[in-house]
Amino acid sequence: MQAYIAISYNKRKQLQPELDAIKEVLKQYSIIPFVFVDNYNFDAKQEKEMMQSAFAEIDKCDLLIAEVSDKAIGIGIEVGYAKAKKIVVIYLRHRTAEHSTTVSGTSDHTVIYADTNDLHKQLNEILKLFITLLT
């Protein structure tokens, strides 16, 4: 199993602790994390290639985790594409971050966390349920 992790390119470094917590929980369930912004680099004129690559990677995944503590249009597009493909979407954001109505409204599960320990705990509960439903 594989999880596509949609995360803000601009805030990627600041969100490292959250990303580490997400990856740790995924590992417990033998789910391989895929972070698009860590695997691809595009220049401004490669927007079509970028989105085609993102969609191809989402197609390989069983779920999409959208960390939207920093809202980004690209994350919303990735979420919409995953939902159209009937891929489970999990919405994550820090409790002090601005709410994303579009991503939240599209998601199957929501995690609004206080810190990385809280993120770990809540995501673990969702994935436990997700794995149970698959077996």
N, C-alpha and C. Protein backbone atom coordinates (compact mmCIF):
# COMPACT_ATOMS: atom_id res chain seq x y z
N MET A 1 0.84 -1.19 0.00
CA MET A 1 0.00 0.00 0.00
C MET A 1 0.88 1.24 0.00
N GLN A 2 0.32 2.29 -0.58
CA GLN A 2 1.07 3.54 -0.67
C GLN A 2 0.15 4.72 -0.38
N ALA A 3 0.71 5.74 0.27
CA ALA A 3 -0.02 6.97 0.58
C ALA A 3 0.68 8.15 -0.08
N TYR A 4 -0.08 8.92 -0.81
CA TYR A 4 0.40 10.17 -1.40
C TYR A 4 0.23 11.25 -0.35
N ILE A 5 1.30 11.95 -0.02
CA ILE A 5 1.23 13.02 0.97
C ILE A 5 1.33 14.35 0.24
N ALA A 6 0.23 15.08 0.26
CA ALA A 6 0.17 16.40 -0.35
C ALA A 6 0.52 17.42 0.72
N ILE A 7 1.53 18.22 0.44
CA ILE A 7 2.04 19.17 1.43
C ILE A 7 2.52 20.41 0.70
N SER A 8 2.46 21.54 1.35
CA SER A 8 2.87 22.81 0.75
C SER A 8 4.35 22.79 0.37
N TYR A 9 4.63 23.08 -0.87
CA TYR A 9 6.01 23.18 -1.34
C TYR A 9 6.75 24.30 -0.60
N ASN A 10 6.08 25.44 -0.43
CA ASN A 10 6.71 26.61 0.19
C ASN A 10 7.01 26.43 1.68
N LYS A 11 6.22 25.61 2.37
CA LYS A 11 6.40 25.41 3.81
C LYS A 11 6.93 24.02 4.13
N ARG A 12 7.44 23.34 3.14
CA ARG A 12 7.89 21.95 3.30
C ARG A 12 8.85 21.78 4.47
N LYS A 13 9.86 22.62 4.56
CA LYS A 13 10.87 22.48 5.62
C LYS A 13 10.27 22.72 7.01
N GLN A 14 9.38 23.69 7.14
CA GLN A 14 8.77 23.98 8.43
C GLN A 14 7.85 22.85 8.88
N LEU A 15 7.33 22.08 7.94
CA LEU A 15 6.40 21.00 8.27
C LEU A 15 7.10 19.65 8.45
N GLN A 16 8.42 19.65 8.56
CA GLN A 16 9.16 18.40 8.72
C GLN A 16 8.72 17.58 9.94
N PRO A 17 8.53 18.20 11.11
CA PRO A 17 8.09 17.38 12.26
C PRO A 17 6.74 16.69 12.00
N GLU A 18 5.82 17.40 11.37
CA GLU A 18 4.52 16.80 11.04
C GLU A 18 4.69 15.67 10.03
N LEU A 19 5.52 15.90 9.04
CA LEU A 19 5.77 14.87 8.03
C LEU A 19 6.42 13.64 8.65
N ASP A 20 7.32 13.85 9.59
CA ASP A 20 7.94 12.72 10.29
C ASP A 20 6.89 11.91 11.06
N ALA A 21 5.97 12.61 11.72
CA ALA A 21 4.91 11.92 12.47
C ALA A 21 4.01 11.12 11.52
N ILE A 22 3.66 11.71 10.39
CA ILE A 22 2.82 11.03 9.40
C ILE A 22 3.52 9.77 8.91
N LYS A 23 4.78 9.91 8.55
CA LYS A 23 5.54 8.75 8.04
C LYS A 23 5.66 7.65 9.09
N GLU A 24 5.85 8.04 10.33
CA GLU A 24 5.98 7.05 11.41
C GLU A 24 4.69 6.22 11.56
N VAL A 25 3.55 6.89 11.50
CA VAL A 25 2.28 6.18 11.61
C VAL A 25 2.07 5.28 10.39
N LEU A 26 2.37 5.78 9.21
CA LEU A 26 2.22 4.97 8.00
C LEU A 26 3.07 3.71 8.08
N LYS A 27 4.28 3.85 8.59
CA LYS A 27 5.20 2.72 8.70
C LYS A 27 4.60 1.62 9.58
N GLN A 28 3.89 2.00 10.63
CA GLN A 28 3.27 1.02 11.53
C GLN A 28 2.30 0.11 10.79
N TYR A 29 1.73 0.61 9.69
CA TYR A 29 0.75 -0.15 8.92
C TYR A 29 1.33 -0.63 7.58
N SER A 30 2.63 -0.57 7.46
CA SER A 30 3.33 -0.98 6.23
C SER A 30 2.82 -0.24 5.01
N ILE A 31 2.49 1.04 5.18
CA ILE A 31 2.07 1.89 4.08
C ILE A 31 3.26 2.75 3.68
N ILE A 32 3.60 2.70 2.42
CA ILE A 32 4.75 3.46 1.90
C ILE A 32 4.33 4.91 1.66
N PRO A 33 5.04 5.88 2.26
CA PRO A 33 4.71 7.28 2.03
C PRO A 33 5.34 7.78 0.72
N PHE A 34 4.61 8.60 0.00
CA PHE A 34 5.15 9.25 -1.19
C PHE A 34 4.88 10.74 -1.06
N VAL A 35 5.95 11.53 -0.96
CA VAL A 35 5.84 12.98 -0.84
C VAL A 35 6.24 13.59 -2.18
N PHE A 36 5.26 14.06 -2.92
CA PHE A 36 5.50 14.56 -4.28
C PHE A 36 6.58 15.63 -4.31
N VAL A 37 6.50 16.62 -3.42
CA VAL A 37 7.45 17.73 -3.45
C VAL A 37 8.88 17.30 -3.14
N ASP A 38 9.06 16.11 -2.56
CA ASP A 38 10.40 15.61 -2.29
C ASP A 38 10.97 14.79 -3.45
N ASN A 39 10.12 14.43 -4.39
CA ASN A 39 10.54 13.54 -5.47
C ASN A 39 10.60 14.19 -6.84
N TYR A 40 10.03 15.38 -6.98
CA TYR A 40 10.00 16.06 -8.27
C TYR A 40 10.38 17.51 -8.12
N ASN A 41 11.01 18.06 -9.16
CA ASN A 41 11.30 19.49 -9.25
C ASN A 41 10.94 19.94 -10.65
N PHE A 42 10.18 21.01 -10.74
CA PHE A 42 9.76 21.56 -12.01
C PHE A 42 10.02 23.05 -12.03
N ASP A 43 10.27 23.61 -13.22
CA ASP A 43 10.37 25.06 -13.31
C ASP A 43 8.99 25.60 -13.66
N ALA A 44 8.86 26.91 -13.67
CA ALA A 44 7.56 27.56 -13.83
C ALA A 44 6.87 27.23 -15.16
N LYS A 45 7.63 26.87 -16.16
CA LYS A 45 7.04 26.58 -17.48
C LYS A 45 6.67 25.11 -17.66
N GLN A 46 6.83 24.32 -16.62
CA GLN A 46 6.54 22.89 -16.71
C GLN A 46 5.26 22.51 -15.96
N GLU A 47 4.29 23.41 -15.95
CA GLU A 47 3.08 23.15 -15.17
C GLU A 47 2.30 21.93 -15.64
N LYS A 48 2.23 21.70 -16.93
CA LYS A 48 1.51 20.52 -17.43
C LYS A 48 2.21 19.23 -17.02
N GLU A 49 3.53 19.21 -17.17
CA GLU A 49 4.31 18.03 -16.77
C GLU A 49 4.17 17.77 -15.27
N MET A 50 4.18 18.86 -14.49
CA MET A 50 4.07 18.73 -13.04
C MET A 50 2.75 18.06 -12.67
N MET A 51 1.64 18.56 -13.21
CA MET A 51 0.34 18.01 -12.85
C MET A 51 0.14 16.61 -13.41
N GLN A 52 0.65 16.34 -14.59
CA GLN A 52 0.56 14.98 -15.13
C GLN A 52 1.32 14.01 -14.24
N SER A 53 2.49 14.43 -13.76
CA SER A 53 3.27 13.58 -12.86
C SER A 53 2.55 13.38 -11.53
N ALA A 54 1.97 14.44 -11.00
CA ALA A 54 1.23 14.33 -9.73
C ALA A 54 0.06 13.37 -9.89
N PHE A 55 -0.69 13.50 -10.96
CA PHE A 55 -1.84 12.61 -11.17
C PHE A 55 -1.40 11.17 -11.34
N ALA A 56 -0.31 10.95 -12.05
CA ALA A 56 0.20 9.59 -12.23
C ALA A 56 0.61 8.98 -10.89
N GLU A 57 1.22 9.77 -10.02
CA GLU A 57 1.62 9.26 -8.71
C GLU A 57 0.40 9.00 -7.82
N ILE A 58 -0.60 9.87 -7.88
CA ILE A 58 -1.82 9.67 -7.10
C ILE A 58 -2.50 8.37 -7.53
N ASP A 59 -2.48 8.10 -8.83
CA ASP A 59 -3.09 6.86 -9.35
C ASP A 59 -2.48 5.60 -8.75
N LYS A 60 -1.25 5.68 -8.29
CA LYS A 60 -0.56 4.53 -7.71
C LYS A 60 -0.87 4.33 -6.22
N CYS A 61 -1.60 5.27 -5.64
CA CYS A 61 -1.80 5.29 -4.19
C CYS A 61 -3.16 4.77 -3.76
N ASP A 62 -3.20 4.31 -2.52
CA ASP A 62 -4.42 3.81 -1.91
C ASP A 62 -5.13 4.88 -1.08
N LEU A 63 -4.37 5.90 -0.67
CA LEU A 63 -4.96 7.01 0.05
C LEU A 63 -4.11 8.25 -0.16
N LEU A 64 -4.74 9.41 0.08
CA LEU A 64 -4.04 10.68 -0.02
C LEU A 64 -4.19 11.40 1.31
N ILE A 65 -3.08 11.84 1.85
CA ILE A 65 -3.07 12.61 3.09
C ILE A 65 -2.70 14.04 2.72
N ALA A 66 -3.63 14.96 2.98
CA ALA A 66 -3.43 16.37 2.64
C ALA A 66 -3.13 17.16 3.91
N GLU A 67 -1.89 17.60 4.06
CA GLU A 67 -1.50 18.43 5.20
C GLU A 67 -1.67 19.88 4.74
N VAL A 68 -2.73 20.52 5.23
CA VAL A 68 -3.07 21.85 4.74
C VAL A 68 -2.93 22.95 5.80
N SER A 69 -1.99 22.77 6.72
CA SER A 69 -1.72 23.84 7.67
C SER A 69 -1.28 25.10 6.93
N ASP A 70 -0.69 24.93 5.77
CA ASP A 70 -0.41 26.03 4.85
C ASP A 70 -1.21 25.73 3.59
N LYS A 71 -2.25 26.52 3.37
CA LYS A 71 -3.13 26.26 2.23
C LYS A 71 -2.38 26.50 0.92
N ALA A 72 -2.59 25.60 -0.03
CA ALA A 72 -1.96 25.72 -1.34
C ALA A 72 -2.94 25.19 -2.38
N ILE A 73 -3.08 25.91 -3.46
CA ILE A 73 -4.01 25.52 -4.53
C ILE A 73 -3.70 24.13 -5.04
N GLY A 74 -2.42 23.81 -5.17
CA GLY A 74 -2.02 22.50 -5.70
C GLY A 74 -2.54 21.36 -4.84
N ILE A 75 -2.56 21.54 -3.54
CA ILE A 75 -3.07 20.50 -2.66
C ILE A 75 -4.56 20.28 -2.94
N GLY A 76 -5.29 21.34 -3.12
CA GLY A 76 -6.71 21.23 -3.43
C GLY A 76 -6.96 20.48 -4.73
N ILE A 77 -6.13 20.73 -5.73
CA ILE A 77 -6.26 20.02 -7.00
C ILE A 77 -5.95 18.54 -6.82
N GLU A 78 -4.89 18.24 -6.07
CA GLU A 78 -4.53 16.84 -5.81
C GLU A 78 -5.67 16.12 -5.08
N VAL A 79 -6.26 16.78 -4.10
CA VAL A 79 -7.36 16.20 -3.34
C VAL A 79 -8.56 15.95 -4.26
N GLY A 80 -8.91 16.92 -5.08
CA GLY A 80 -10.03 16.76 -5.99
C GLY A 80 -9.82 15.60 -6.96
N TYR A 81 -8.60 15.49 -7.47
CA TYR A 81 -8.28 14.40 -8.39
C TYR A 81 -8.41 13.05 -7.67
N ALA A 82 -7.85 12.96 -6.47
CA ALA A 82 -7.91 11.70 -5.70
C ALA A 82 -9.36 11.33 -5.42
N LYS A 83 -10.17 12.29 -5.04
CA LYS A 83 -11.57 12.02 -4.72
C LYS A 83 -12.31 11.53 -5.97
N ALA A 84 -12.04 12.14 -7.11
CA ALA A 84 -12.66 11.71 -8.36
C ALA A 84 -12.27 10.27 -8.71
N LYS A 85 -11.09 9.85 -8.28
CA LYS A 85 -10.61 8.49 -8.51
C LYS A 85 -11.03 7.54 -7.39
N LYS A 86 -11.86 8.04 -6.46
CA LYS A 86 -12.36 7.24 -5.34
C LYS A 86 -11.26 6.77 -4.39
N ILE A 87 -10.24 7.60 -4.25
CA ILE A 87 -9.14 7.35 -3.32
C ILE A 87 -9.49 8.03 -2.00
N VAL A 88 -9.28 7.34 -0.89
CA VAL A 88 -9.56 7.89 0.43
C VAL A 88 -8.68 9.12 0.68
N VAL A 89 -9.30 10.19 1.18
CA VAL A 89 -8.58 11.44 1.45
C VAL A 89 -8.68 11.76 2.94
N ILE A 90 -7.52 12.05 3.53
CA ILE A 90 -7.44 12.45 4.93
C ILE A 90 -6.95 13.90 4.99
N TYR A 91 -7.73 14.75 5.63
CA TYR A 91 -7.45 16.17 5.79
C TYR A 91 -6.74 16.39 7.12
N LEU A 92 -5.57 17.02 7.09
CA LEU A 92 -4.82 17.33 8.31
C LEU A 92 -4.52 18.82 8.36
N ARG A 93 -4.64 19.40 9.54
CA ARG A 93 -4.16 20.77 9.75
C ARG A 93 -3.95 21.01 11.23
N HIS A 94 -3.00 21.87 11.52
CA HIS A 94 -2.78 22.30 12.90
C HIS A 94 -3.99 23.11 13.34
N ARG A 95 -4.34 23.02 14.61
CA ARG A 95 -5.56 23.68 15.10
C ARG A 95 -5.52 25.20 14.96
N THR A 96 -4.32 25.79 14.87
CA THR A 96 -4.23 27.25 14.72
C THR A 96 -4.20 27.69 13.26
N ALA A 97 -4.14 26.75 12.34
CA ALA A 97 -4.09 27.07 10.92
C ALA A 97 -5.48 27.38 10.39
N GLU A 98 -5.51 28.15 9.33
CA GLU A 98 -6.78 28.49 8.70
C GLU A 98 -7.45 27.24 8.11
N HIS A 99 -8.75 27.14 8.28
CA HIS A 99 -9.53 26.01 7.78
C HIS A 99 -9.63 26.07 6.26
N SER A 100 -9.50 24.93 5.62
CA SER A 100 -9.70 24.82 4.17
C SER A 100 -11.06 24.17 3.94
N THR A 101 -12.04 24.96 3.55
CA THR A 101 -13.38 24.43 3.35
C THR A 101 -13.43 23.45 2.18
N THR A 102 -12.67 23.70 1.13
CA THR A 102 -12.73 22.82 -0.03
C THR A 102 -12.09 21.47 0.25
N VAL A 103 -10.93 21.47 0.88
CA VAL A 103 -10.28 20.19 1.19
C VAL A 103 -11.07 19.45 2.26
N SER A 104 -11.50 20.15 3.27
CA SER A 104 -12.29 19.52 4.33
C SER A 104 -13.59 18.93 3.77
N GLY A 105 -14.24 19.69 2.91
CA GLY A 105 -15.50 19.23 2.33
C GLY A 105 -15.35 18.05 1.40
N THR A 106 -14.15 17.80 0.91
CA THR A 106 -13.88 16.71 -0.01
C THR A 106 -13.35 15.47 0.71
N SER A 107 -12.84 15.65 1.90
CA SER A 107 -12.14 14.59 2.61
C SER A 107 -13.07 13.55 3.24
N ASP A 108 -12.51 12.36 3.42
CA ASP A 108 -13.22 11.27 4.09
C ASP A 108 -13.00 11.30 5.60
N HIS A 109 -11.84 11.83 6.02
CA HIS A 109 -11.48 11.90 7.44
C HIS A 109 -10.78 13.22 7.71
N THR A 110 -10.93 13.71 8.93
CA THR A 110 -10.34 14.99 9.33
C THR A 110 -9.54 14.82 10.60
N VAL A 111 -8.34 15.43 10.60
CA VAL A 111 -7.49 15.48 11.79
C VAL A 111 -7.10 16.94 12.01
N ILE A 112 -7.58 17.49 13.11
CA ILE A 112 -7.16 18.84 13.51
C ILE A 112 -6.37 18.63 14.79
N TYR A 113 -5.07 18.84 14.70
CA TYR A 113 -4.17 18.43 15.77
C TYR A 113 -3.55 19.62 16.51
N ALA A 114 -3.18 19.36 17.77
CA ALA A 114 -2.55 20.37 18.62
C ALA A 114 -1.04 20.37 18.48
N ASP A 115 -0.46 19.17 18.31
CA ASP A 115 0.98 19.01 18.19
C ASP A 115 1.25 17.68 17.48
N THR A 116 2.51 17.34 17.29
CA THR A 116 2.82 16.12 16.54
C THR A 116 2.38 14.86 17.27
N ASN A 117 2.37 14.88 18.60
CA ASN A 117 1.87 13.71 19.34
C ASN A 117 0.38 13.52 19.09
N ASP A 118 -0.35 14.61 19.09
CA ASP A 118 -1.79 14.55 18.81
C ASP A 118 -2.03 14.10 17.37
N LEU A 119 -1.25 14.61 16.45
CA LEU A 119 -1.34 14.20 15.04
C LEU A 119 -1.11 12.69 14.93
N HIS A 120 -0.07 12.21 15.57
CA HIS A 120 0.27 10.79 15.55
C HIS A 120 -0.90 9.96 16.06
N LYS A 121 -1.45 10.34 17.20
CA LYS A 121 -2.55 9.59 17.82
C LYS A 121 -3.79 9.57 16.93
N GLN A 122 -4.21 10.72 16.44
CA GLN A 122 -5.43 10.79 15.62
C GLN A 122 -5.27 10.07 14.28
N LEU A 123 -4.12 10.24 13.63
CA LEU A 123 -3.89 9.58 12.35
C LEU A 123 -3.82 8.06 12.55
N ASN A 124 -3.25 7.63 13.65
CA ASN A 124 -3.19 6.20 13.96
C ASN A 124 -4.61 5.61 14.04
N GLU A 125 -5.52 6.30 14.70
CA GLU A 125 -6.90 5.82 14.82
C GLU A 125 -7.57 5.71 13.45
N ILE A 126 -7.37 6.68 12.61
CA ILE A 126 -7.97 6.66 11.26
C ILE A 126 -7.39 5.51 10.44
N LEU A 127 -6.08 5.34 10.48
CA LEU A 127 -5.46 4.28 9.68
C LEU A 127 -5.83 2.90 10.21
N LYS A 128 -6.00 2.77 11.51
CA LYS A 128 -6.45 1.50 12.08
C LYS A 128 -7.81 1.13 11.48
N LEU A 129 -8.70 2.11 11.41
CA LEU A 129 -10.02 1.90 10.82
C LEU A 129 -9.90 1.60 9.32
N PHE A 130 -9.06 2.34 8.62
CA PHE A 130 -8.85 2.17 7.18
C PHE A 130 -8.38 0.75 6.88
N ILE A 131 -7.41 0.28 7.62
CA ILE A 131 -6.86 -1.07 7.41
C ILE A 131 -7.92 -2.13 7.73
N THR A 132 -8.68 -1.90 8.80
CA THR A 132 -9.74 -2.84 9.17
C THR A 132 -10.78 -2.97 8.06
N LEU A 133 -11.14 -1.85 7.46
CA LEU A 133 -12.13 -1.88 6.38
C LEU A 133 -11.62 -2.57 5.12
N LEU A 134 -10.32 -2.54 4.94
CA LEU A 134 -9.74 -3.20 3.75
C LEU A 134 -9.60 -4.71 3.91
N THR A 135 -9.55 -5.19 5.16
CA THR A 135 -9.33 -6.62 5.37
C THR A 135 -10.62 -7.36 5.65
